[in-house]
Full PDB file with SEQRES, HELIX, SHEET, SSBOND, CRYST1, ORIGX, SCALE, CONECT and MASTER records, all heavy atoms in Angstrom:
SEQRES   1 A   32  LEU PRO THR ASP PHE LEU ASP ASN ASP THR ILE MET LEU          
SEQRES   2 A   32  LYS ARG ILE ILE SER LYS LYS ASP PHE PHE GLN THR SER          
SEQRES   3 A   32  THR ILE ARG ASN THR GLY                                      
HELIX    1 AA1 THR A    3  LEU A    6  1                                   4    
CRYST1    1.000    1.000    1.000  90.00  90.00  90.00 P 1           1          
ORIGX1      1.000000  0.000000  0.000000        0.00000                         
ORIGX2      0.000000  1.000000  0.000000        0.00000                         
ORIGX3      0.000000  0.000000  1.000000        0.00000                         
SCALE1      1.000000  0.000000  0.000000        0.00000                         
SCALE2      0.000000  1.000000  0.000000        0.00000                         
SCALE3      0.000000  0.000000  1.000000        0.00000                         
ATOM      1  N   LEU A   1     -66.191   0.347  60.470  1.00  0.00           N  
ATOM      2  CA  LEU A   1     -66.408   1.366  61.355  1.00  0.00           C  
ATOM      3  C   LEU A   1     -67.138   0.846  62.555  1.00  0.00           C  
ATOM      4  O   LEU A   1     -67.924  -0.074  62.476  1.00  0.00           O  
ATOM      5  CB  LEU A   1     -67.316   2.516  60.675  1.00  0.00           C  
ATOM      6  CG  LEU A   1     -66.594   3.311  59.531  1.00  0.00           C  
ATOM      7  CD1 LEU A   1     -67.621   4.391  59.080  1.00  0.00           C  
ATOM      8  CD2 LEU A   1     -65.357   3.965  60.148  1.00  0.00           C  
ATOM      9  N   PRO A   2     -67.025   1.547  63.711  1.00  0.00           N  
ATOM     10  CA  PRO A   2     -67.716   1.047  64.981  1.00  0.00           C  
ATOM     11  C   PRO A   2     -69.217   1.096  64.886  1.00  0.00           C  
ATOM     12  O   PRO A   2     -69.711   1.946  64.152  1.00  0.00           O  
ATOM     13  CB  PRO A   2     -67.140   1.895  66.088  1.00  0.00           C  
ATOM     14  CG  PRO A   2     -66.253   2.936  65.469  1.00  0.00           C  
ATOM     15  CD  PRO A   2     -66.174   2.729  64.005  1.00  0.00           C  
ATOM     16  N   THR A   3     -69.780   0.191  65.621  1.00  0.00           N  
ATOM     17  CA  THR A   3     -71.279   0.066  65.545  1.00  0.00           C  
ATOM     18  C   THR A   3     -71.962   1.209  66.260  1.00  0.00           C  
ATOM     19  O   THR A   3     -73.169   1.563  65.934  1.00  0.00           O  
ATOM     20  CB  THR A   3     -71.763  -1.227  66.082  1.00  0.00           C  
ATOM     21  OG1 THR A   3     -71.250  -1.385  67.482  1.00  0.00           O  
ATOM     22  CG2 THR A   3     -71.270  -2.426  65.370  1.00  0.00           C  
ATOM     23  N   ASP A   4     -71.318   1.852  67.254  1.00  0.00           N  
ATOM     24  CA  ASP A   4     -71.986   2.994  67.992  1.00  0.00           C  
ATOM     25  C   ASP A   4     -72.256   4.244  67.082  1.00  0.00           C  
ATOM     26  O   ASP A   4     -73.214   4.928  67.207  1.00  0.00           O  
ATOM     27  CB  ASP A   4     -71.193   3.399  69.136  1.00  0.00           C  
ATOM     28  CG  ASP A   4     -69.883   3.953  68.775  1.00  0.00           C  
ATOM     29  OD1 ASP A   4     -69.337   3.527  67.785  1.00  0.00           O  
ATOM     30  OD2 ASP A   4     -69.376   4.869  69.508  1.00  0.00           O  
ATOM     31  N   PHE A   5     -71.432   4.386  66.098  1.00  0.00           N  
ATOM     32  CA  PHE A   5     -71.654   5.479  65.208  1.00  0.00           C  
ATOM     33  C   PHE A   5     -72.672   5.081  64.150  1.00  0.00           C  
ATOM     34  O   PHE A   5     -73.446   6.017  63.656  1.00  0.00           O  
ATOM     35  CB  PHE A   5     -70.278   5.853  64.460  1.00  0.00           C  
ATOM     36  CG  PHE A   5     -70.458   6.739  63.260  1.00  0.00           C  
ATOM     37  CD1 PHE A   5     -70.724   8.015  63.446  1.00  0.00           C  
ATOM     38  CD2 PHE A   5     -70.314   6.231  61.993  1.00  0.00           C  
ATOM     39  CE1 PHE A   5     -70.864   8.843  62.346  1.00  0.00           C  
ATOM     40  CE2 PHE A   5     -70.443   7.045  60.923  1.00  0.00           C  
ATOM     41  CZ  PHE A   5     -70.768   8.431  61.109  1.00  0.00           C  
ATOM     42  N   LEU A   6     -72.880   3.929  63.728  1.00  0.00           N  
ATOM     43  CA  LEU A   6     -73.654   3.474  62.651  1.00  0.00           C  
ATOM     44  C   LEU A   6     -75.064   3.055  63.126  1.00  0.00           C  
ATOM     45  O   LEU A   6     -75.847   2.553  62.434  1.00  0.00           O  
ATOM     46  CB  LEU A   6     -73.011   2.400  61.840  1.00  0.00           C  
ATOM     47  CG  LEU A   6     -71.694   2.776  61.149  1.00  0.00           C  
ATOM     48  CD1 LEU A   6     -71.062   1.579  60.534  1.00  0.00           C  
ATOM     49  CD2 LEU A   6     -71.946   3.827  60.132  1.00  0.00           C  
ATOM     50  N   ASP A   7     -75.391   3.147  64.385  1.00  0.00           N  
ATOM     51  CA  ASP A   7     -76.595   2.769  65.032  1.00  0.00           C  
ATOM     52  C   ASP A   7     -76.981   1.301  64.681  1.00  0.00           C  
ATOM     53  O   ASP A   7     -77.965   0.944  63.935  1.00  0.00           O  
ATOM     54  CB  ASP A   7     -77.805   3.690  64.465  1.00  0.00           C  
ATOM     55  CG  ASP A   7     -77.612   5.081  64.897  1.00  0.00           C  
ATOM     56  OD1 ASP A   7     -77.021   5.336  65.957  1.00  0.00           O  
ATOM     57  OD2 ASP A   7     -78.046   6.006  64.007  1.00  0.00           O  
ATOM     58  N   ASN A   8     -75.986   0.459  65.009  1.00  0.00           N  
ATOM     59  CA  ASN A   8     -76.031  -1.025  64.881  1.00  0.00           C  
ATOM     60  C   ASN A   8     -76.047  -1.394  63.434  1.00  0.00           C  
ATOM     61  O   ASN A   8     -76.411  -2.532  63.014  1.00  0.00           O  
ATOM     62  CB  ASN A   8     -77.416  -1.495  65.510  1.00  0.00           C  
ATOM     63  CG  ASN A   8     -77.429  -1.284  66.953  1.00  0.00           C  
ATOM     64  OD1 ASN A   8     -76.385  -1.471  67.648  1.00  0.00           O  
ATOM     65  ND2 ASN A   8     -78.551  -0.969  67.540  1.00  0.00           N  
ATOM     66  N   ASP A   9     -75.627  -0.574  62.495  1.00  0.00           N  
ATOM     67  CA  ASP A   9     -75.343  -0.921  61.116  1.00  0.00           C  
ATOM     68  C   ASP A   9     -73.902  -0.929  60.875  1.00  0.00           C  
ATOM     69  O   ASP A   9     -73.091  -0.501  61.662  1.00  0.00           O  
ATOM     70  CB  ASP A   9     -76.130   0.135  60.184  1.00  0.00           C  
ATOM     71  CG  ASP A   9     -76.253  -0.437  58.752  1.00  0.00           C  
ATOM     72  OD1 ASP A   9     -75.835  -1.552  58.608  1.00  0.00           O  
ATOM     73  OD2 ASP A   9     -76.810   0.379  57.947  1.00  0.00           O  
ATOM     74  N   THR A  10     -73.497  -1.476  59.774  1.00  0.00           N  
ATOM     75  CA  THR A  10     -72.074  -1.582  59.512  1.00  0.00           C  
ATOM     76  C   THR A  10     -71.755  -1.029  58.168  1.00  0.00           C  
ATOM     77  O   THR A  10     -72.626  -1.069  57.249  1.00  0.00           O  
ATOM     78  CB  THR A  10     -71.556  -3.051  59.575  1.00  0.00           C  
ATOM     79  OG1 THR A  10     -72.243  -3.742  58.602  1.00  0.00           O  
ATOM     80  CG2 THR A  10     -71.679  -3.615  60.980  1.00  0.00           C  
ATOM     81  N   ILE A  11     -70.508  -0.602  57.979  1.00  0.00           N  
ATOM     82  CA  ILE A  11     -70.030  -0.099  56.690  1.00  0.00           C  
ATOM     83  C   ILE A  11     -68.531  -0.307  56.676  1.00  0.00           C  
ATOM     84  O   ILE A  11     -67.833  -0.188  57.616  1.00  0.00           O  
ATOM     85  CB  ILE A  11     -70.341   1.347  56.501  1.00  0.00           C  
ATOM     86  CG1 ILE A  11     -70.146   1.792  55.046  1.00  0.00           C  
ATOM     87  CG2 ILE A  11     -69.588   2.336  57.408  1.00  0.00           C  
ATOM     88  CD1 ILE A  11     -70.731   3.136  54.660  1.00  0.00           C  
ATOM     89  N   MET A  12     -68.072  -0.646  55.451  1.00  0.00           N  
ATOM     90  CA  MET A  12     -66.666  -0.893  55.249  1.00  0.00           C  
ATOM     91  C   MET A  12     -66.074   0.201  54.455  1.00  0.00           C  
ATOM     92  O   MET A  12     -66.665   0.609  53.370  1.00  0.00           O  
ATOM     93  CB  MET A  12     -66.523  -2.298  54.489  1.00  0.00           C  
ATOM     94  CG  MET A  12     -67.086  -3.568  55.231  1.00  0.00           C  
ATOM     95  SD  MET A  12     -66.322  -3.915  56.732  1.00  0.00           S  
ATOM     96  CE  MET A  12     -64.774  -4.334  56.166  1.00  0.00           C  
ATOM     97  N   LEU A  13     -64.957   0.668  54.915  1.00  0.00           N  
ATOM     98  CA  LEU A  13     -64.241   1.722  54.154  1.00  0.00           C  
ATOM     99  C   LEU A  13     -62.793   1.116  53.690  1.00  0.00           C  
ATOM    100  O   LEU A  13     -62.328   0.142  54.401  1.00  0.00           O  
ATOM    101  CB  LEU A  13     -63.940   2.880  55.057  1.00  0.00           C  
ATOM    102  CG  LEU A  13     -65.230   3.641  55.480  1.00  0.00           C  
ATOM    103  CD1 LEU A  13     -64.847   4.868  56.365  1.00  0.00           C  
ATOM    104  CD2 LEU A  13     -66.050   4.020  54.218  1.00  0.00           C  
ATOM    105  N   LYS A  14     -62.277   1.701  52.676  1.00  0.00           N  
ATOM    106  CA  LYS A  14     -61.052   1.189  52.172  1.00  0.00           C  
ATOM    107  C   LYS A  14     -59.884   2.121  52.579  1.00  0.00           C  
ATOM    108  O   LYS A  14     -60.068   3.320  52.400  1.00  0.00           O  
ATOM    109  CB  LYS A  14     -61.045   0.968  50.650  1.00  0.00           C  
ATOM    110  CG  LYS A  14     -61.988  -0.121  50.183  1.00  0.00           C  
ATOM    111  CD  LYS A  14     -61.923  -0.271  48.634  1.00  0.00           C  
ATOM    112  CE  LYS A  14     -62.875  -1.388  48.195  1.00  0.00           C  
ATOM    113  NZ  LYS A  14     -62.432  -2.689  48.712  1.00  0.00           N  
ATOM    114  N   ARG A  15     -58.761   1.577  53.035  1.00  0.00           N  
ATOM    115  CA  ARG A  15     -57.495   2.279  53.266  1.00  0.00           C  
ATOM    116  C   ARG A  15     -56.578   1.849  52.138  1.00  0.00           C  
ATOM    117  O   ARG A  15     -56.305   0.714  52.035  1.00  0.00           O  
ATOM    118  CB  ARG A  15     -56.970   2.053  54.609  1.00  0.00           C  
ATOM    119  CG  ARG A  15     -55.676   2.869  54.932  1.00  0.00           C  
ATOM    120  CD  ARG A  15     -55.339   2.770  56.309  1.00  0.00           C  
ATOM    121  NE  ARG A  15     -55.033   1.366  56.800  1.00  0.00           N  
ATOM    122  CZ  ARG A  15     -54.976   0.877  57.988  1.00  0.00           C  
ATOM    123  NH1 ARG A  15     -55.285   1.802  58.987  1.00  0.00           N  
ATOM    124  NH2 ARG A  15     -54.818  -0.327  58.328  1.00  0.00           N  
ATOM    125  N   ILE A  16     -56.071   2.798  51.358  1.00  0.00           N  
ATOM    126  CA  ILE A  16     -55.292   2.419  50.163  1.00  0.00           C  
ATOM    127  C   ILE A  16     -53.919   3.014  50.336  1.00  0.00           C  
ATOM    128  O   ILE A  16     -53.775   4.220  50.622  1.00  0.00           O  
ATOM    129  CB  ILE A  16     -55.956   2.884  48.984  1.00  0.00           C  
ATOM    130  CG1 ILE A  16     -57.263   2.308  48.752  1.00  0.00           C  
ATOM    131  CG2 ILE A  16     -55.050   2.780  47.697  1.00  0.00           C  
ATOM    132  CD1 ILE A  16     -58.042   2.800  47.506  1.00  0.00           C  
ATOM    133  N   ILE A  17     -52.932   2.175  50.142  1.00  0.00           N  
ATOM    134  CA  ILE A  17     -51.541   2.547  50.143  1.00  0.00           C  
ATOM    135  C   ILE A  17     -50.968   2.076  48.779  1.00  0.00           C  
ATOM    136  O   ILE A  17     -51.060   0.915  48.436  1.00  0.00           O  
ATOM    137  CB  ILE A  17     -50.782   1.921  51.281  1.00  0.00           C  
ATOM    138  CG1 ILE A  17     -51.297   2.380  52.614  1.00  0.00           C  
ATOM    139  CG2 ILE A  17     -49.207   2.383  51.228  1.00  0.00           C  
ATOM    140  CD1 ILE A  17     -50.679   1.633  53.854  1.00  0.00           C  
ATOM    141  N   SER A  18     -50.371   3.045  48.121  1.00  0.00           N  
ATOM    142  CA  SER A  18     -49.909   2.685  46.751  1.00  0.00           C  
ATOM    143  C   SER A  18     -48.335   2.939  46.660  1.00  0.00           C  
ATOM    144  O   SER A  18     -47.820   3.778  47.276  1.00  0.00           O  
ATOM    145  CB  SER A  18     -50.576   3.602  45.679  1.00  0.00           C  
ATOM    146  OG  SER A  18     -50.279   4.951  45.903  1.00  0.00           O  
ATOM    147  N   LYS A  19     -47.714   1.985  45.858  1.00  0.00           N  
ATOM    148  CA  LYS A  19     -46.268   2.107  45.574  1.00  0.00           C  
ATOM    149  C   LYS A  19     -46.181   2.306  44.122  1.00  0.00           C  
ATOM    150  O   LYS A  19     -46.592   1.477  43.251  1.00  0.00           O  
ATOM    151  CB  LYS A  19     -45.449   0.928  46.096  1.00  0.00           C  
ATOM    152  CG  LYS A  19     -44.043   0.870  45.814  1.00  0.00           C  
ATOM    153  CD  LYS A  19     -43.390  -0.444  46.152  1.00  0.00           C  
ATOM    154  CE  LYS A  19     -41.845  -0.220  45.796  1.00  0.00           C  
ATOM    155  NZ  LYS A  19     -41.185  -1.579  46.122  1.00  0.00           N  
ATOM    156  N   LYS A  20     -45.493   3.255  43.631  1.00  0.00           N  
ATOM    157  CA  LYS A  20     -45.289   3.636  42.214  1.00  0.00           C  
ATOM    158  C   LYS A  20     -43.823   3.513  41.827  1.00  0.00           C  
ATOM    159  O   LYS A  20     -42.996   4.136  42.516  1.00  0.00           O  
ATOM    160  CB  LYS A  20     -45.900   4.921  41.838  1.00  0.00           C  
ATOM    161  CG  LYS A  20     -47.383   5.044  42.271  1.00  0.00           C  
ATOM    162  CD  LYS A  20     -47.916   6.430  41.940  1.00  0.00           C  
ATOM    163  CE  LYS A  20     -49.423   6.543  42.340  1.00  0.00           C  
ATOM    164  NZ  LYS A  20     -49.864   7.893  42.255  1.00  0.00           N  
ATOM    165  N   ASP A  21     -43.525   2.800  40.777  1.00  0.00           N  
ATOM    166  CA  ASP A  21     -42.107   2.644  40.340  1.00  0.00           C  
ATOM    167  C   ASP A  21     -42.081   3.099  38.880  1.00  0.00           C  
ATOM    168  O   ASP A  21     -42.912   2.694  38.034  1.00  0.00           O  
ATOM    169  CB  ASP A  21     -41.659   1.200  40.473  1.00  0.00           C  
ATOM    170  CG  ASP A  21     -41.570   0.707  41.844  1.00  0.00           C  
ATOM    171  OD1 ASP A  21     -40.917   1.299  42.648  1.00  0.00           O  
ATOM    172  OD2 ASP A  21     -42.481  -0.273  42.153  1.00  0.00           O  
ATOM    173  N   PHE A  22     -41.028   3.840  38.532  1.00  0.00           N  
ATOM    174  CA  PHE A  22     -40.806   4.281  37.203  1.00  0.00           C  
ATOM    175  C   PHE A  22     -39.316   3.920  36.800  1.00  0.00           C  
ATOM    176  O   PHE A  22     -38.381   4.194  37.418  1.00  0.00           O  
ATOM    177  CB  PHE A  22     -40.999   5.873  37.137  1.00  0.00           C  
ATOM    178  CG  PHE A  22     -40.610   6.354  35.809  1.00  0.00           C  
ATOM    179  CD1 PHE A  22     -41.537   6.310  34.740  1.00  0.00           C  
ATOM    180  CD2 PHE A  22     -39.375   6.978  35.487  1.00  0.00           C  
ATOM    181  CE1 PHE A  22     -41.217   6.909  33.513  1.00  0.00           C  
ATOM    182  CE2 PHE A  22     -39.113   7.572  34.294  1.00  0.00           C  
ATOM    183  CZ  PHE A  22     -39.964   7.439  33.245  1.00  0.00           C  
ATOM    184  N   PHE A  23     -39.299   3.298  35.589  1.00  0.00           N  
ATOM    185  CA  PHE A  23     -37.903   2.813  35.107  1.00  0.00           C  
ATOM    186  C   PHE A  23     -37.782   3.397  33.698  1.00  0.00           C  
ATOM    187  O   PHE A  23     -38.675   3.423  32.891  1.00  0.00           O  
ATOM    188  CB  PHE A  23     -37.927   1.263  34.979  1.00  0.00           C  
ATOM    189  CG  PHE A  23     -38.083   0.553  36.300  1.00  0.00           C  
ATOM    190  CD1 PHE A  23     -39.341   0.104  36.719  1.00  0.00           C  
ATOM    191  CD2 PHE A  23     -37.050   0.323  37.162  1.00  0.00           C  
ATOM    192  CE1 PHE A  23     -39.582  -0.481  37.872  1.00  0.00           C  
ATOM    193  CE2 PHE A  23     -37.250  -0.304  38.381  1.00  0.00           C  
ATOM    194  CZ  PHE A  23     -38.547  -0.749  38.764  1.00  0.00           C  
ATOM    195  N   GLN A  24     -36.546   3.780  33.390  1.00  0.00           N  
ATOM    196  CA  GLN A  24     -36.040   4.203  32.076  1.00  0.00           C  
ATOM    197  C   GLN A  24     -34.811   3.499  31.789  1.00  0.00           C  
ATOM    198  O   GLN A  24     -33.782   3.734  32.422  1.00  0.00           O  
ATOM    199  CB  GLN A  24     -35.963   5.671  31.999  1.00  0.00           C  
ATOM    200  CG  GLN A  24     -35.483   6.210  30.681  1.00  0.00           C  
ATOM    201  CD  GLN A  24     -35.150   7.665  30.555  1.00  0.00           C  
ATOM    202  OE1 GLN A  24     -36.082   8.446  31.130  1.00  0.00           O  
ATOM    203  NE2 GLN A  24     -34.017   8.068  30.105  1.00  0.00           N  
ATOM    204  N   THR A  25     -34.901   2.605  30.737  1.00  0.00           N  
ATOM    205  CA  THR A  25     -33.621   1.838  30.279  1.00  0.00           C  
ATOM    206  C   THR A  25     -33.355   2.052  28.852  1.00  0.00           C  
ATOM    207  O   THR A  25     -34.236   2.475  28.150  1.00  0.00           O  
ATOM    208  CB  THR A  25     -33.789   0.361  30.637  1.00  0.00           C  
ATOM    209  OG1 THR A  25     -35.008  -0.044  29.952  1.00  0.00           O  
ATOM    210  CG2 THR A  25     -34.055   0.156  32.154  1.00  0.00           C  
ATOM    211  N   SER A  26     -32.088   1.773  28.439  1.00  0.00           N  
ATOM    212  CA  SER A  26     -31.733   1.928  27.061  1.00  0.00           C  
ATOM    213  C   SER A  26     -31.833   0.525  26.391  1.00  0.00           C  
ATOM    214  O   SER A  26     -31.377  -0.482  27.008  1.00  0.00           O  
ATOM    215  CB  SER A  26     -30.449   2.514  26.955  1.00  0.00           C  
ATOM    216  OG  SER A  26     -30.438   3.830  27.532  1.00  0.00           O  
ATOM    217  N   THR A  27     -32.046   0.498  25.134  1.00  0.00           N  
ATOM    218  CA  THR A  27     -32.113  -0.808  24.350  1.00  0.00           C  
ATOM    219  C   THR A  27     -30.820  -0.961  23.602  1.00  0.00           C  
ATOM    220  O   THR A  27     -30.323   0.065  23.030  1.00  0.00           O  
ATOM    221  CB  THR A  27     -33.336  -0.933  23.476  1.00  0.00           C  
ATOM    222  OG1 THR A  27     -33.329   0.241  22.584  1.00  0.00           O  
ATOM    223  CG2 THR A  27     -34.683  -0.815  24.217  1.00  0.00           C  
ATOM    224  N   ILE A  28     -30.391  -2.158  23.399  1.00  0.00           N  
ATOM    225  CA  ILE A  28     -29.089  -2.426  22.748  1.00  0.00           C  
ATOM    226  C   ILE A  28     -29.368  -3.304  21.520  1.00  0.00           C  
ATOM    227  O   ILE A  28     -29.980  -4.326  21.661  1.00  0.00           O  
ATOM    228  CB  ILE A  28     -28.046  -3.172  23.626  1.00  0.00           C  
ATOM    229  CG1 ILE A  28     -27.846  -2.233  24.930  1.00  0.00           C  
ATOM    230  CG2 ILE A  28     -26.698  -3.419  22.921  1.00  0.00           C  
ATOM    231  CD1 ILE A  28     -26.889  -2.973  25.915  1.00  0.00           C  
ATOM    232  N   ARG A  29     -28.994  -2.766  20.283  1.00  0.00           N  
ATOM    233  CA  ARG A  29     -29.163  -3.503  19.112  1.00  0.00           C  
ATOM    234  C   ARG A  29     -27.936  -4.136  18.562  1.00  0.00           C  
ATOM    235  O   ARG A  29     -27.889  -5.118  17.874  1.00  0.00           O  
ATOM    236  CB  ARG A  29     -29.854  -2.624  18.055  1.00  0.00           C  
ATOM    237  CG  ARG A  29     -31.251  -2.222  18.475  1.00  0.00           C  
ATOM    238  CD  ARG A  29     -31.939  -1.489  17.344  1.00  0.00           C  
ATOM    239  NE  ARG A  29     -33.318  -1.062  17.713  1.00  0.00           N  
ATOM    240  CZ  ARG A  29     -34.080  -0.334  16.887  1.00  0.00           C  
ATOM    241  NH1 ARG A  29     -33.687  -0.012  15.690  1.00  0.00           N  
ATOM    242  NH2 ARG A  29     -35.285  -0.088  17.342  1.00  0.00           N  
ATOM    243  N   ASN A  30     -26.749  -3.422  18.868  1.00  0.00           N  
ATOM    244  CA  ASN A  30     -25.459  -4.039  18.359  1.00  0.00           C  
ATOM    245  C   ASN A  30     -24.388  -3.591  19.333  1.00  0.00           C  
ATOM    246  O   ASN A  30     -24.689  -2.777  20.197  1.00  0.00           O  
ATOM    247  CB  ASN A  30     -25.168  -3.546  16.914  1.00  0.00           C  
ATOM    248  CG  ASN A  30     -25.319  -2.061  16.756  1.00  0.00           C  
ATOM    249  OD1 ASN A  30     -24.573  -1.304  17.484  1.00  0.00           O  
ATOM    250  ND2 ASN A  30     -26.232  -1.614  15.963  1.00  0.00           N  
ATOM    251  N   THR A  31     -23.185  -4.132  19.195  1.00  0.00           N  
ATOM    252  CA  THR A  31     -22.081  -3.777  20.130  1.00  0.00           C  
ATOM    253  C   THR A  31     -21.619  -2.449  20.069  1.00  0.00           C  
ATOM    254  O   THR A  31     -21.071  -1.887  20.953  1.00  0.00           O  
ATOM    255  CB  THR A  31     -20.879  -4.774  19.815  1.00  0.00           C  
ATOM    256  OG1 THR A  31     -20.579  -4.521  18.435  1.00  0.00           O  
ATOM    257  CG2 THR A  31     -21.205  -6.208  19.968  1.00  0.00           C  
ATOM    258  N   GLY A  32     -21.927  -1.708  18.970  1.00  0.00           N  
ATOM    259  CA  GLY A  32     -21.599  -0.228  18.827  1.00  0.00           C  
ATOM    260  C   GLY A  32     -22.316   0.669  19.838  1.00  0.00           C  
ATOM    261  O   GLY A  32     -21.841   1.767  20.013  1.00  0.00           O  
TER     262      GLY A  32                                                      
MASTER        0    0    0    1    0    0    0    6  261    1    0    3          
END                                                                             
């Protein structure tokens, strides 16, 4: 954050972007 807001102090903030993937697959045990 800018120093003018913090009265010459500093602070770190986190910006978080997330990517979520969902997979559903079938398992094969034999040729049938």
